[in-house]
């Protein structure tokens, strides 16, 4: 059972972008990070795991894995969003929504939260190590003080 806030983010991105499962996971990761920057709080309570292809929330993965690399062409009703939720989701959509799941995976593979969670693992080694929320918060808040160029992609 996922939190209401995670369900809101999942529904939003599926309605707006019809991402494949890889892209959906990465958009959720960026949502959590951007929420720390914009609102100084987590967007949802679920934890990410440092899987081979980047940060993953297992419950969301198992719910949508049947779509694989194809777009998730569903349409959900949306509850009313708070101002913060709307601003965070729109920001993530504008910044990261234009990239493919593979491009976003590549980006997460260069970021400290995923790298630190996997530092003792082989590149293709499966695991369920948690990416700490504090590492996500610290990393994304640190990005606020970096140049605005898109040098990460």
N, C-alpha and C. Protein backbone atom coordinates (compact mmCIF):
# COMPACT_ATOMS: atom_id res chain seq x y z
N UNK A 1 0.84 -1.19 0.00
CA UNK A 1 0.00 0.00 0.00
C UNK A 1 0.89 1.25 0.00
N UNK A 2 0.70 2.08 -0.96
CA UNK A 2 1.51 3.29 -1.05
C UNK A 2 0.78 4.46 -0.40
N UNK A 3 1.55 5.46 -0.04
CA UNK A 3 0.97 6.65 0.58
C UNK A 3 0.15 7.44 -0.44
N UNK A 4 -0.73 8.25 0.07
CA UNK A 4 -1.55 9.12 -0.79
C UNK A 4 -0.65 10.03 -1.63
N UNK A 5 0.40 10.55 -1.01
CA UNK A 5 1.29 11.48 -1.72
C UNK A 5 2.03 10.80 -2.87
N UNK A 6 2.49 9.57 -2.64
CA UNK A 6 3.14 8.84 -3.73
C UNK A 6 2.15 8.54 -4.83
N UNK A 7 0.95 8.15 -4.46
CA UNK A 7 -0.08 7.87 -5.44
C UNK A 7 -0.38 9.11 -6.29
N UNK A 8 -0.39 10.27 -5.67
CA UNK A 8 -0.60 11.53 -6.41
C UNK A 8 0.50 11.73 -7.45
N UNK A 9 1.75 11.55 -7.04
CA UNK A 9 2.87 11.75 -7.97
C UNK A 9 2.81 10.74 -9.12
N UNK A 10 2.54 9.48 -8.81
CA UNK A 10 2.45 8.45 -9.85
C UNK A 10 1.35 8.80 -10.84
N UNK A 11 0.16 9.12 -10.34
CA UNK A 11 -0.97 9.46 -11.22
C UNK A 11 -0.65 10.68 -12.08
N UNK A 12 -0.03 11.68 -11.47
CA UNK A 12 0.29 12.91 -12.20
C UNK A 12 1.19 12.60 -13.40
N UNK A 13 2.29 11.89 -13.16
CA UNK A 13 3.23 11.63 -14.26
C UNK A 13 2.64 10.69 -15.31
N UNK A 14 1.84 9.72 -14.89
CA UNK A 14 1.22 8.85 -15.88
C UNK A 14 0.22 9.64 -16.72
N UNK A 15 -0.58 10.48 -16.11
CA UNK A 15 -1.53 11.30 -16.86
C UNK A 15 -0.85 12.29 -17.79
N UNK A 16 0.19 12.93 -17.30
CA UNK A 16 0.84 14.02 -18.05
C UNK A 16 1.82 13.53 -19.11
N UNK A 17 2.56 12.46 -18.81
CA UNK A 17 3.68 12.06 -19.67
C UNK A 17 3.60 10.64 -20.23
N UNK A 18 2.74 9.81 -19.69
CA UNK A 18 2.67 8.40 -20.09
C UNK A 18 4.07 7.78 -20.19
N UNK A 19 4.84 7.84 -19.10
CA UNK A 19 6.22 7.33 -19.15
C UNK A 19 6.24 5.80 -19.15
N UNK A 20 7.39 5.24 -19.53
CA UNK A 20 7.59 3.81 -19.29
C UNK A 20 7.95 3.66 -17.81
N UNK A 21 8.12 2.42 -17.37
CA UNK A 21 8.35 2.19 -15.93
C UNK A 21 9.67 2.78 -15.45
N UNK A 22 10.70 2.73 -16.29
CA UNK A 22 12.00 3.28 -15.91
C UNK A 22 11.90 4.79 -15.68
N UNK A 23 11.30 5.47 -16.63
CA UNK A 23 11.16 6.92 -16.52
C UNK A 23 10.29 7.31 -15.33
N UNK A 24 9.22 6.55 -15.09
CA UNK A 24 8.36 6.85 -13.94
C UNK A 24 9.15 6.79 -12.64
N UNK A 25 9.97 5.77 -12.47
CA UNK A 25 10.77 5.65 -11.25
C UNK A 25 11.70 6.84 -11.07
N UNK A 26 12.35 7.26 -12.14
CA UNK A 26 13.30 8.35 -12.03
C UNK A 26 12.58 9.67 -11.76
N UNK A 27 11.41 9.87 -12.38
CA UNK A 27 10.64 11.08 -12.09
C UNK A 27 10.22 11.13 -10.63
N UNK A 28 9.90 9.99 -10.05
CA UNK A 28 9.56 9.96 -8.63
C UNK A 28 10.77 10.32 -7.77
N UNK A 29 11.92 9.83 -8.16
CA UNK A 29 13.16 10.15 -7.43
C UNK A 29 13.43 11.66 -7.48
N UNK A 30 13.31 12.24 -8.67
CA UNK A 30 13.54 13.69 -8.78
C UNK A 30 12.46 14.48 -8.04
N UNK A 31 11.26 13.96 -7.99
CA UNK A 31 10.20 14.61 -7.22
C UNK A 31 10.58 14.69 -5.76
N UNK A 32 11.09 13.60 -5.23
CA UNK A 32 11.49 13.60 -3.82
C UNK A 32 12.62 14.62 -3.60
N UNK A 33 13.61 14.62 -4.46
CA UNK A 33 14.74 15.54 -4.32
C UNK A 33 14.33 17.00 -4.46
N UNK A 34 13.52 17.29 -5.46
CA UNK A 34 13.08 18.67 -5.70
C UNK A 34 12.18 19.15 -4.56
N UNK A 35 11.40 18.25 -3.99
CA UNK A 35 10.55 18.63 -2.85
C UNK A 35 11.40 19.09 -1.67
N UNK A 36 12.53 18.42 -1.44
CA UNK A 36 13.42 18.87 -0.37
C UNK A 36 13.94 20.28 -0.65
N UNK A 37 14.23 20.56 -1.92
CA UNK A 37 14.75 21.89 -2.28
C UNK A 37 13.68 22.97 -2.17
N UNK A 38 12.52 22.71 -2.75
CA UNK A 38 11.48 23.73 -2.85
C UNK A 38 10.66 23.89 -1.57
N UNK A 39 10.49 22.80 -0.83
CA UNK A 39 9.56 22.83 0.31
C UNK A 39 10.20 22.45 1.63
N UNK A 40 11.46 22.04 1.58
CA UNK A 40 12.19 21.62 2.78
C UNK A 40 11.50 20.45 3.48
N UNK A 41 10.92 19.54 2.68
CA UNK A 41 10.28 18.35 3.23
C UNK A 41 10.16 17.28 2.14
N UNK A 42 9.99 16.04 2.58
CA UNK A 42 9.79 14.95 1.63
C UNK A 42 8.44 15.11 0.95
N UNK A 43 8.32 14.59 -0.27
CA UNK A 43 7.04 14.61 -0.98
C UNK A 43 6.18 13.43 -0.52
N UNK A 44 6.83 12.27 -0.34
CA UNK A 44 6.15 11.05 0.10
C UNK A 44 7.05 10.30 1.05
N UNK A 45 6.47 9.35 1.78
CA UNK A 45 7.21 8.68 2.85
C UNK A 45 7.98 7.45 2.39
N UNK A 46 7.68 6.91 1.23
CA UNK A 46 8.33 5.68 0.77
C UNK A 46 9.82 5.88 0.55
N UNK A 47 10.55 4.77 0.67
CA UNK A 47 12.01 4.76 0.50
C UNK A 47 12.37 4.24 -0.89
N UNK A 48 13.44 4.77 -1.44
CA UNK A 48 14.01 4.26 -2.68
C UNK A 48 15.04 3.19 -2.36
N UNK A 49 15.16 2.23 -3.25
CA UNK A 49 16.23 1.26 -3.18
C UNK A 49 17.18 1.51 -4.35
N UNK A 50 18.46 1.18 -4.14
CA UNK A 50 19.50 1.43 -5.15
C UNK A 50 19.63 0.22 -6.07
N UNK A 51 18.71 0.10 -7.00
CA UNK A 51 18.72 -1.01 -7.95
C UNK A 51 19.74 -0.74 -9.05
N UNK A 52 20.01 -1.75 -9.85
CA UNK A 52 21.01 -1.65 -10.92
C UNK A 52 20.72 -0.47 -11.85
N UNK A 53 19.45 -0.27 -12.20
CA UNK A 53 19.09 0.79 -13.15
C UNK A 53 18.70 2.10 -12.47
N UNK A 54 19.11 2.27 -11.23
CA UNK A 54 18.86 3.53 -10.54
C UNK A 54 17.89 3.38 -9.39
N UNK A 55 17.49 4.51 -8.80
CA UNK A 55 16.58 4.49 -7.66
C UNK A 55 15.21 3.92 -8.04
N UNK A 56 14.67 3.07 -7.17
CA UNK A 56 13.38 2.42 -7.43
C UNK A 56 12.58 2.33 -6.13
N UNK A 57 11.29 2.58 -6.23
CA UNK A 57 10.35 2.28 -5.15
C UNK A 57 9.72 0.96 -5.54
N UNK A 58 10.06 -0.12 -4.83
CA UNK A 58 9.62 -1.45 -5.26
C UNK A 58 8.11 -1.60 -5.46
N UNK A 59 7.28 -1.03 -4.59
CA UNK A 59 5.83 -1.17 -4.75
C UNK A 59 5.35 -0.62 -6.08
N UNK A 60 5.92 0.50 -6.50
CA UNK A 60 5.53 1.10 -7.78
C UNK A 60 6.05 0.24 -8.93
N UNK A 61 7.26 -0.26 -8.79
CA UNK A 61 7.83 -1.13 -9.83
C UNK A 61 6.92 -2.34 -10.06
N UNK A 62 6.56 -3.03 -9.00
CA UNK A 62 5.76 -4.25 -9.15
C UNK A 62 4.35 -3.96 -9.66
N UNK A 63 3.82 -2.79 -9.37
CA UNK A 63 2.49 -2.44 -9.87
C UNK A 63 2.49 -2.20 -11.38
N UNK A 64 3.58 -1.64 -11.91
CA UNK A 64 3.60 -1.25 -13.32
C UNK A 64 4.58 -2.02 -14.19
N UNK A 65 5.26 -3.01 -13.65
CA UNK A 65 6.31 -3.70 -14.41
C UNK A 65 5.80 -4.37 -15.67
N UNK A 66 4.52 -4.73 -15.72
CA UNK A 66 3.96 -5.37 -16.91
C UNK A 66 4.05 -4.47 -18.15
N UNK A 67 4.21 -3.16 -17.96
CA UNK A 67 4.33 -2.23 -19.09
C UNK A 67 5.73 -2.22 -19.68
N UNK A 68 6.71 -2.66 -18.90
CA UNK A 68 8.08 -2.74 -19.39
C UNK A 68 8.54 -1.43 -19.99
N UNK A 69 8.97 -1.50 -21.24
CA UNK A 69 9.51 -0.31 -21.93
C UNK A 69 8.46 0.44 -22.73
N UNK A 70 7.21 0.04 -22.60
CA UNK A 70 6.15 0.73 -23.34
C UNK A 70 5.53 1.80 -22.45
N UNK A 71 4.95 2.83 -23.06
CA UNK A 71 4.32 3.88 -22.26
C UNK A 71 3.17 3.33 -21.43
N UNK A 72 3.02 3.88 -20.25
CA UNK A 72 1.90 3.51 -19.38
C UNK A 72 0.72 4.38 -19.80
N UNK A 73 -0.09 3.86 -20.68
CA UNK A 73 -1.20 4.63 -21.24
C UNK A 73 -2.46 4.43 -20.40
N UNK A 74 -2.45 4.98 -19.23
CA UNK A 74 -3.60 4.97 -18.35
C UNK A 74 -4.02 6.41 -18.10
N UNK A 75 -5.22 6.58 -17.65
CA UNK A 75 -5.71 7.91 -17.30
C UNK A 75 -6.37 7.81 -15.93
N UNK A 76 -5.83 8.53 -14.98
CA UNK A 76 -6.33 8.50 -13.61
C UNK A 76 -7.06 9.79 -13.27
N UNK A 77 -8.03 9.67 -12.39
CA UNK A 77 -8.62 10.87 -11.80
C UNK A 77 -7.60 11.40 -10.80
N UNK A 78 -7.59 12.70 -10.66
CA UNK A 78 -6.61 13.33 -9.77
C UNK A 78 -7.32 14.04 -8.62
N UNK A 79 -6.82 13.81 -7.41
CA UNK A 79 -7.35 14.59 -6.29
C UNK A 79 -6.82 16.02 -6.39
N UNK A 80 -7.38 16.88 -5.61
CA UNK A 80 -6.88 18.26 -5.55
C UNK A 80 -5.47 18.26 -5.00
N UNK A 81 -4.58 18.99 -5.65
CA UNK A 81 -3.19 19.08 -5.20
C UNK A 81 -3.03 20.28 -4.28
N UNK A 82 -2.13 20.17 -3.33
CA UNK A 82 -1.75 21.34 -2.56
C UNK A 82 -0.91 22.24 -3.48
N UNK A 83 -0.71 23.46 -3.08
CA UNK A 83 0.13 24.37 -3.86
C UNK A 83 1.53 23.79 -4.01
N UNK A 84 2.11 23.30 -2.90
CA UNK A 84 3.46 22.73 -2.96
C UNK A 84 3.52 21.53 -3.88
N UNK A 85 2.56 20.62 -3.78
CA UNK A 85 2.56 19.45 -4.64
C UNK A 85 2.51 19.86 -6.11
N UNK A 86 1.61 20.76 -6.44
CA UNK A 86 1.50 21.21 -7.83
C UNK A 86 2.78 21.84 -8.34
N UNK A 87 3.40 22.67 -7.53
CA UNK A 87 4.63 23.34 -7.96
C UNK A 87 5.77 22.35 -8.14
N UNK A 88 5.93 21.40 -7.22
CA UNK A 88 7.00 20.42 -7.33
C UNK A 88 6.80 19.54 -8.55
N UNK A 89 5.59 19.01 -8.72
CA UNK A 89 5.33 18.11 -9.85
C UNK A 89 5.51 18.83 -11.19
N UNK A 90 5.03 20.04 -11.29
CA UNK A 90 5.18 20.81 -12.53
C UNK A 90 6.66 21.09 -12.82
N UNK A 91 7.41 21.43 -11.79
CA UNK A 91 8.84 21.70 -11.95
C UNK A 91 9.57 20.44 -12.45
N UNK A 92 9.30 19.30 -11.84
CA UNK A 92 9.94 18.05 -12.25
C UNK A 92 9.55 17.73 -13.70
N UNK A 93 8.29 17.90 -14.04
CA UNK A 93 7.83 17.63 -15.41
C UNK A 93 8.57 18.52 -16.41
N UNK A 94 8.68 19.81 -16.10
CA UNK A 94 9.34 20.76 -17.01
C UNK A 94 10.83 20.46 -17.18
N UNK A 95 11.51 20.14 -16.09
CA UNK A 95 12.97 19.93 -16.14
C UNK A 95 13.32 18.54 -16.66
N UNK A 96 12.68 17.50 -16.15
CA UNK A 96 13.09 16.13 -16.42
C UNK A 96 12.16 15.37 -17.37
N UNK A 97 10.97 15.87 -17.59
CA UNK A 97 9.99 15.17 -18.41
C UNK A 97 10.38 15.00 -19.86
N UNK A 98 11.27 15.83 -20.35
CA UNK A 98 11.68 15.76 -21.77
C UNK A 98 12.70 14.66 -22.04
N UNK A 99 13.25 14.06 -20.99
CA UNK A 99 14.29 13.04 -21.16
C UNK A 99 13.71 11.64 -21.10
N UNK A 100 14.39 10.71 -21.73
CA UNK A 100 13.98 9.31 -21.70
C UNK A 100 14.35 8.68 -20.36
N UNK A 101 13.79 7.53 -20.11
CA UNK A 101 14.14 6.80 -18.89
C UNK A 101 15.61 6.47 -18.83
N UNK A 102 16.20 6.09 -19.95
CA UNK A 102 17.63 5.76 -19.99
C UNK A 102 18.49 6.99 -19.71
N UNK A 103 18.10 8.15 -20.24
CA UNK A 103 18.85 9.37 -19.96
C UNK A 103 18.77 9.72 -18.46
N UNK A 104 17.59 9.57 -17.89
CA UNK A 104 17.43 9.86 -16.47
C UNK A 104 18.17 8.83 -15.62
N UNK A 105 18.19 7.58 -16.06
CA UNK A 105 18.98 6.55 -15.36
C UNK A 105 20.45 6.95 -15.35
N UNK A 106 20.95 7.38 -16.50
CA UNK A 106 22.35 7.80 -16.59
C UNK A 106 22.64 8.95 -15.63
N UNK A 107 21.71 9.86 -15.52
CA UNK A 107 21.88 10.99 -14.60
C UNK A 107 21.94 10.51 -13.15
N UNK A 108 21.03 9.62 -12.76
CA UNK A 108 21.03 9.15 -11.37
C UNK A 108 22.29 8.36 -11.05
N UNK A 109 22.89 7.75 -12.06
CA UNK A 109 24.12 6.97 -11.85
C UNK A 109 25.33 7.86 -11.60
N UNK A 110 25.17 9.16 -11.77
CA UNK A 110 26.26 10.11 -11.50
C UNK A 110 26.04 10.84 -10.19
N UNK A 111 24.97 10.54 -9.49
CA UNK A 111 24.60 11.29 -8.30
C UNK A 111 24.92 10.52 -7.02
N UNK A 112 25.38 11.25 -6.02
CA UNK A 112 25.83 10.65 -4.77
C UNK A 112 24.84 9.73 -4.06
N UNK A 113 23.55 10.06 -3.99
CA UNK A 113 22.67 9.16 -3.23
C UNK A 113 22.69 7.71 -3.76
N UNK A 114 22.59 7.53 -5.06
CA UNK A 114 22.62 6.19 -5.64
C UNK A 114 24.02 5.60 -5.56
N UNK A 115 25.03 6.39 -5.91
CA UNK A 115 26.41 5.91 -5.88
C UNK A 115 26.81 5.44 -4.48
N UNK A 116 26.51 6.22 -3.47
CA UNK A 116 26.89 5.85 -2.10
C UNK A 116 26.16 4.61 -1.60
N UNK A 117 24.92 4.46 -2.00
CA UNK A 117 24.16 3.28 -1.58
C UNK A 117 24.69 2.00 -2.23
N UNK A 118 25.35 2.14 -3.39
CA UNK A 118 25.84 0.97 -4.13
C UNK A 118 27.36 0.83 -4.09
N UNK A 119 28.05 1.60 -3.29
CA UNK A 119 29.51 1.68 -3.40
C UNK A 119 30.24 0.35 -3.20
N UNK A 120 29.67 -0.60 -2.51
CA UNK A 120 30.35 -1.89 -2.31
C UNK A 120 29.83 -2.97 -3.25
N UNK A 121 29.02 -2.60 -4.21
CA UNK A 121 28.41 -3.58 -5.11
C UNK A 121 29.04 -3.54 -6.49
N UNK A 122 28.96 -4.67 -7.17
CA UNK A 122 29.37 -4.72 -8.58
C UNK A 122 28.31 -3.97 -9.40
N UNK A 123 28.69 -3.42 -10.57
CA UNK A 123 27.73 -2.63 -11.35
C UNK A 123 26.41 -3.34 -11.66
N UNK A 124 26.45 -4.64 -11.91
CA UNK A 124 25.21 -5.35 -12.27
C UNK A 124 24.68 -6.22 -11.13
N UNK A 125 25.15 -6.00 -9.91
CA UNK A 125 24.73 -6.79 -8.77
C UNK A 125 23.38 -6.30 -8.23
N UNK A 126 22.43 -7.23 -8.15
CA UNK A 126 21.11 -6.90 -7.62
C UNK A 126 21.17 -6.77 -6.10
N UNK A 127 20.33 -5.88 -5.56
CA UNK A 127 20.29 -5.67 -4.11
C UNK A 127 19.03 -4.92 -3.75
N UNK A 128 18.83 -4.75 -2.47
CA UNK A 128 17.69 -3.96 -2.01
C UNK A 128 18.14 -2.89 -1.00
N UNK A 129 19.36 -2.40 -1.18
CA UNK A 129 19.88 -1.37 -0.28
C UNK A 129 19.05 -0.09 -0.42
N UNK A 130 18.73 0.48 0.72
CA UNK A 130 17.93 1.70 0.76
C UNK A 130 18.82 2.91 0.51
N UNK A 131 18.30 3.85 -0.26
CA UNK A 131 18.94 5.15 -0.43
C UNK A 131 18.36 6.04 0.67
N UNK A 132 19.19 6.54 1.55
CA UNK A 132 18.66 7.30 2.68
C UNK A 132 18.01 8.60 2.20
N UNK A 133 16.94 8.94 2.88
CA UNK A 133 16.26 10.20 2.57
C UNK A 133 17.18 11.38 2.83
N UNK A 134 18.00 11.26 3.86
CA UNK A 134 18.93 12.35 4.18
C UNK A 134 19.92 12.57 3.05
N UNK A 135 20.40 11.49 2.42
CA UNK A 135 21.35 11.65 1.32
C UNK A 135 20.68 12.31 0.12
N UNK A 136 19.41 12.00 -0.12
CA UNK A 136 18.67 12.65 -1.21
C UNK A 136 18.50 14.12 -0.90
N UNK A 137 18.07 14.43 0.32
CA UNK A 137 17.89 15.83 0.71
C UNK A 137 19.19 16.61 0.60
N UNK A 138 20.27 16.07 1.17
CA UNK A 138 21.56 16.76 1.14
C UNK A 138 22.02 17.00 -0.29
N UNK A 139 21.88 16.00 -1.14
CA UNK A 139 22.36 16.12 -2.52
C UNK A 139 21.57 17.19 -3.28
N UNK A 140 20.27 17.12 -3.23
CA UNK A 140 19.46 18.07 -4.01
C UNK A 140 19.53 19.48 -3.46
N UNK A 141 19.59 19.63 -2.15
CA UNK A 141 19.75 20.96 -1.59
C UNK A 141 21.11 21.52 -2.00
N UNK A 142 22.13 20.67 -2.05
CA UNK A 142 23.45 21.10 -2.52
C UNK A 142 23.43 21.56 -3.97
N UNK A 143 22.56 20.97 -4.79
CA UNK A 143 22.46 21.38 -6.20
C UNK A 143 21.94 22.80 -6.35
N UNK A 144 21.20 23.28 -5.35
CA UNK A 144 20.67 24.65 -5.44
C UNK A 144 21.79 25.67 -5.52
N UNK A 145 22.98 25.29 -5.07
CA UNK A 145 24.10 26.23 -5.04
C UNK A 145 25.07 25.99 -6.19
N UNK A 146 24.65 25.19 -7.16
CA UNK A 146 25.48 24.89 -8.34
C UNK A 146 25.05 25.78 -9.50
N UNK A 147 25.88 25.87 -10.55
CA UNK A 147 25.48 26.62 -11.74
C UNK A 147 24.21 25.99 -12.34
N UNK A 148 23.45 26.80 -13.05
CA UNK A 148 22.19 26.34 -13.59
C UNK A 148 22.32 25.61 -14.93
N UNK A 149 23.52 25.49 -15.46
CA UNK A 149 23.71 24.78 -16.73
C UNK A 149 23.31 23.32 -16.58
N UNK A 150 22.81 22.73 -17.67
CA UNK A 150 22.45 21.32 -17.66
C UNK A 150 23.67 20.49 -18.02
N UNK A 151 24.68 20.53 -17.17
CA UNK A 151 25.93 19.82 -17.44
C UNK A 151 25.88 18.37 -17.02
N UNK A 152 24.78 17.92 -16.34
CA UNK A 152 24.66 16.54 -15.80
C UNK A 152 24.20 15.58 -16.85
N UNK A 153 23.61 16.02 -17.95
CA UNK A 153 23.06 15.07 -18.93
C UNK A 153 23.97 14.90 -20.13
